[in-house]
Amino acid sequence: MNYKPLFKNLGERIEWIRKEKGVTQEELAEKAGLHRAYFWEIEKGRNISIKTAYNIARALGVKLSQLFD
């Protein structure tokens, strides 16, 4: 099964929420405990764990489910 579209959509959603909140990639990466370069890859569709998605959601101040809306 091809999950690339799922992770691409997730990355785009994270980027959209981040920009809506006026947060830079560097700020969000730091709050989520991630390296900025790795975070950039996430926004471009990198496969991530549910734990990483949860940490990003917490750093954004949203529910995990909101990343998948």
N, C-alpha and C. Protein backbone atom coordinates (compact mmCIF):
# COMPACT_ATOMS: atom_id res chain seq x y z
N MET A 1 0.84 -1.17 0.00
CA MET A 1 0.00 0.00 0.00
C MET A 1 0.89 1.25 0.00
N ASN A 2 0.50 2.27 -0.76
CA ASN A 2 1.26 3.51 -0.87
C ASN A 2 0.74 4.55 0.12
N TYR A 3 1.57 4.87 1.11
CA TYR A 3 1.19 5.84 2.14
C TYR A 3 1.74 7.24 1.87
N LYS A 4 2.47 7.42 0.78
CA LYS A 4 3.06 8.72 0.48
C LYS A 4 2.05 9.86 0.48
N PRO A 5 0.88 9.68 -0.15
CA PRO A 5 -0.10 10.77 -0.14
C PRO A 5 -0.56 11.13 1.28
N LEU A 6 -0.68 10.14 2.16
CA LEU A 6 -1.08 10.40 3.54
C LEU A 6 -0.05 11.30 4.23
N PHE A 7 1.23 10.97 4.10
CA PHE A 7 2.27 11.75 4.77
C PHE A 7 2.45 13.12 4.11
N LYS A 8 2.24 13.20 2.80
CA LYS A 8 2.30 14.50 2.12
C LYS A 8 1.18 15.40 2.64
N ASN A 9 -0.04 14.85 2.75
CA ASN A 9 -1.16 15.63 3.27
C ASN A 9 -0.92 16.04 4.72
N LEU A 10 -0.38 15.13 5.52
CA LEU A 10 -0.08 15.44 6.92
C LEU A 10 0.93 16.58 7.00
N GLY A 11 1.98 16.51 6.21
CA GLY A 11 2.99 17.57 6.20
C GLY A 11 2.41 18.91 5.79
N GLU A 12 1.55 18.89 4.78
CA GLU A 12 0.91 20.13 4.33
C GLU A 12 -0.01 20.69 5.41
N ARG A 13 -0.70 19.82 6.12
CA ARG A 13 -1.60 20.26 7.19
C ARG A 13 -0.80 20.88 8.35
N ILE A 14 0.30 20.24 8.71
CA ILE A 14 1.17 20.77 9.77
C ILE A 14 1.69 22.14 9.37
N GLU A 15 2.14 22.26 8.13
CA GLU A 15 2.65 23.54 7.65
C GLU A 15 1.56 24.62 7.69
N TRP A 16 0.36 24.28 7.26
CA TRP A 16 -0.75 25.24 7.24
C TRP A 16 -1.07 25.72 8.66
N ILE A 17 -1.19 24.77 9.60
CA ILE A 17 -1.50 25.15 10.99
C ILE A 17 -0.37 26.00 11.57
N ARG A 18 0.87 25.60 11.29
CA ARG A 18 2.03 26.35 11.80
C ARG A 18 1.99 27.79 11.31
N LYS A 19 1.73 27.98 10.03
CA LYS A 19 1.69 29.33 9.46
C LYS A 19 0.50 30.13 10.00
N GLU A 20 -0.64 29.46 10.19
CA GLU A 20 -1.81 30.14 10.76
C GLU A 20 -1.51 30.66 12.16
N LYS A 21 -0.68 29.96 12.89
CA LYS A 21 -0.33 30.34 14.25
C LYS A 21 0.86 31.29 14.29
N GLY A 22 1.45 31.57 13.13
CA GLY A 22 2.56 32.51 13.05
C GLY A 22 3.84 32.00 13.68
N VAL A 23 4.07 30.69 13.55
CA VAL A 23 5.24 30.05 14.16
C VAL A 23 6.21 29.65 13.05
N THR A 24 7.49 29.87 13.27
CA THR A 24 8.49 29.45 12.28
C THR A 24 8.77 27.96 12.42
N GLN A 25 9.38 27.40 11.39
CA GLN A 25 9.78 25.99 11.46
C GLN A 25 10.75 25.77 12.62
N GLU A 26 11.67 26.67 12.79
CA GLU A 26 12.66 26.54 13.86
C GLU A 26 11.99 26.54 15.23
N GLU A 27 11.06 27.46 15.44
CA GLU A 27 10.36 27.55 16.73
C GLU A 27 9.58 26.27 17.01
N LEU A 28 8.85 25.81 16.01
CA LEU A 28 8.03 24.62 16.21
C LEU A 28 8.89 23.38 16.40
N ALA A 29 9.93 23.27 15.61
CA ALA A 29 10.84 22.13 15.76
C ALA A 29 11.40 22.07 17.18
N GLU A 30 11.82 23.22 17.69
CA GLU A 30 12.37 23.27 19.05
C GLU A 30 11.32 22.87 20.08
N LYS A 31 10.11 23.42 19.95
CA LYS A 31 9.05 23.09 20.91
C LYS A 31 8.67 21.62 20.86
N ALA A 32 8.78 21.00 19.68
CA ALA A 32 8.42 19.59 19.52
C ALA A 32 9.60 18.66 19.79
N GLY A 33 10.77 19.23 20.06
CA GLY A 33 11.96 18.43 20.34
C GLY A 33 12.55 17.78 19.10
N LEU A 34 12.46 18.48 17.97
CA LEU A 34 12.94 17.94 16.70
C LEU A 34 14.01 18.85 16.11
N HIS A 35 14.86 18.28 15.28
CA HIS A 35 15.85 19.08 14.57
C HIS A 35 15.14 19.81 13.45
N ARG A 36 15.52 21.06 13.17
CA ARG A 36 14.85 21.86 12.16
C ARG A 36 14.88 21.21 10.77
N ALA A 37 16.00 20.61 10.40
CA ALA A 37 16.10 19.96 9.08
C ALA A 37 15.14 18.78 8.99
N TYR A 38 15.02 18.02 10.07
CA TYR A 38 14.08 16.90 10.10
C TYR A 38 12.65 17.41 10.01
N PHE A 39 12.38 18.52 10.69
CA PHE A 39 11.04 19.10 10.64
C PHE A 39 10.69 19.54 9.22
N TRP A 40 11.66 20.11 8.51
CA TRP A 40 11.44 20.52 7.13
C TRP A 40 11.02 19.31 6.29
N GLU A 41 11.68 18.18 6.51
CA GLU A 41 11.35 16.95 5.78
C GLU A 41 9.92 16.49 6.11
N ILE A 42 9.50 16.66 7.34
CA ILE A 42 8.14 16.27 7.74
C ILE A 42 7.13 17.09 6.95
N GLU A 43 7.35 18.38 6.85
CA GLU A 43 6.41 19.23 6.11
C GLU A 43 6.40 18.89 4.62
N LYS A 44 7.44 18.24 4.14
CA LYS A 44 7.50 17.84 2.74
C LYS A 44 6.98 16.42 2.51
N GLY A 45 6.53 15.76 3.59
CA GLY A 45 5.90 14.45 3.43
C GLY A 45 6.67 13.26 3.94
N ARG A 46 7.66 13.46 4.78
CA ARG A 46 8.42 12.35 5.35
C ARG A 46 7.52 11.48 6.24
N ASN A 47 7.76 10.20 6.22
CA ASN A 47 7.05 9.25 7.07
C ASN A 47 7.47 9.49 8.52
N ILE A 48 6.47 9.70 9.40
CA ILE A 48 6.78 9.94 10.81
C ILE A 48 5.97 9.01 11.70
N SER A 49 6.43 8.86 12.91
CA SER A 49 5.72 8.03 13.88
C SER A 49 4.55 8.79 14.48
N ILE A 50 3.64 8.07 15.07
CA ILE A 50 2.50 8.70 15.74
C ILE A 50 3.00 9.53 16.93
N LYS A 51 4.07 9.10 17.57
CA LYS A 51 4.65 9.85 18.69
C LYS A 51 5.16 11.21 18.21
N THR A 52 5.82 11.24 17.07
CA THR A 52 6.30 12.50 16.52
C THR A 52 5.13 13.39 16.15
N ALA A 53 4.09 12.83 15.54
CA ALA A 53 2.90 13.61 15.19
C ALA A 53 2.27 14.17 16.46
N TYR A 54 2.21 13.37 17.52
CA TYR A 54 1.65 13.83 18.79
C TYR A 54 2.46 14.99 19.36
N ASN A 55 3.78 14.89 19.31
CA ASN A 55 4.64 15.96 19.83
C ASN A 55 4.46 17.25 19.03
N ILE A 56 4.28 17.12 17.73
CA ILE A 56 4.04 18.29 16.89
C ILE A 56 2.69 18.91 17.24
N ALA A 57 1.67 18.08 17.38
CA ALA A 57 0.34 18.58 17.73
C ALA A 57 0.39 19.33 19.07
N ARG A 58 1.05 18.76 20.05
CA ARG A 58 1.18 19.43 21.36
C ARG A 58 1.89 20.76 21.23
N ALA A 59 2.97 20.78 20.44
CA ALA A 59 3.72 22.01 20.26
C ALA A 59 2.89 23.08 19.54
N LEU A 60 1.96 22.64 18.69
CA LEU A 60 1.07 23.57 17.99
C LEU A 60 -0.14 23.96 18.85
N GLY A 61 -0.38 23.23 19.92
CA GLY A 61 -1.52 23.50 20.78
C GLY A 61 -2.83 23.02 20.18
N VAL A 62 -2.77 21.92 19.41
CA VAL A 62 -3.97 21.35 18.81
C VAL A 62 -4.06 19.87 19.17
N LYS A 63 -5.24 19.30 18.96
CA LYS A 63 -5.41 17.87 19.16
C LYS A 63 -4.74 17.12 18.01
N LEU A 64 -4.25 15.93 18.29
CA LEU A 64 -3.62 15.11 17.26
C LEU A 64 -4.56 14.92 16.08
N SER A 65 -5.83 14.71 16.34
CA SER A 65 -6.80 14.48 15.26
C SER A 65 -6.88 15.66 14.30
N GLN A 66 -6.58 16.87 14.78
CA GLN A 66 -6.65 18.05 13.92
C GLN A 66 -5.58 18.05 12.83
N LEU A 67 -4.52 17.30 13.04
CA LEU A 67 -3.49 17.19 12.01
C LEU A 67 -3.98 16.38 10.82
N PHE A 68 -5.04 15.60 11.03
CA PHE A 68 -5.54 14.72 9.97
C PHE A 68 -6.85 15.20 9.37
N ASP A 69 -7.33 16.38 9.80
CA ASP A 69 -8.59 16.91 9.25
C ASP A 69 -8.41 17.36 7.82
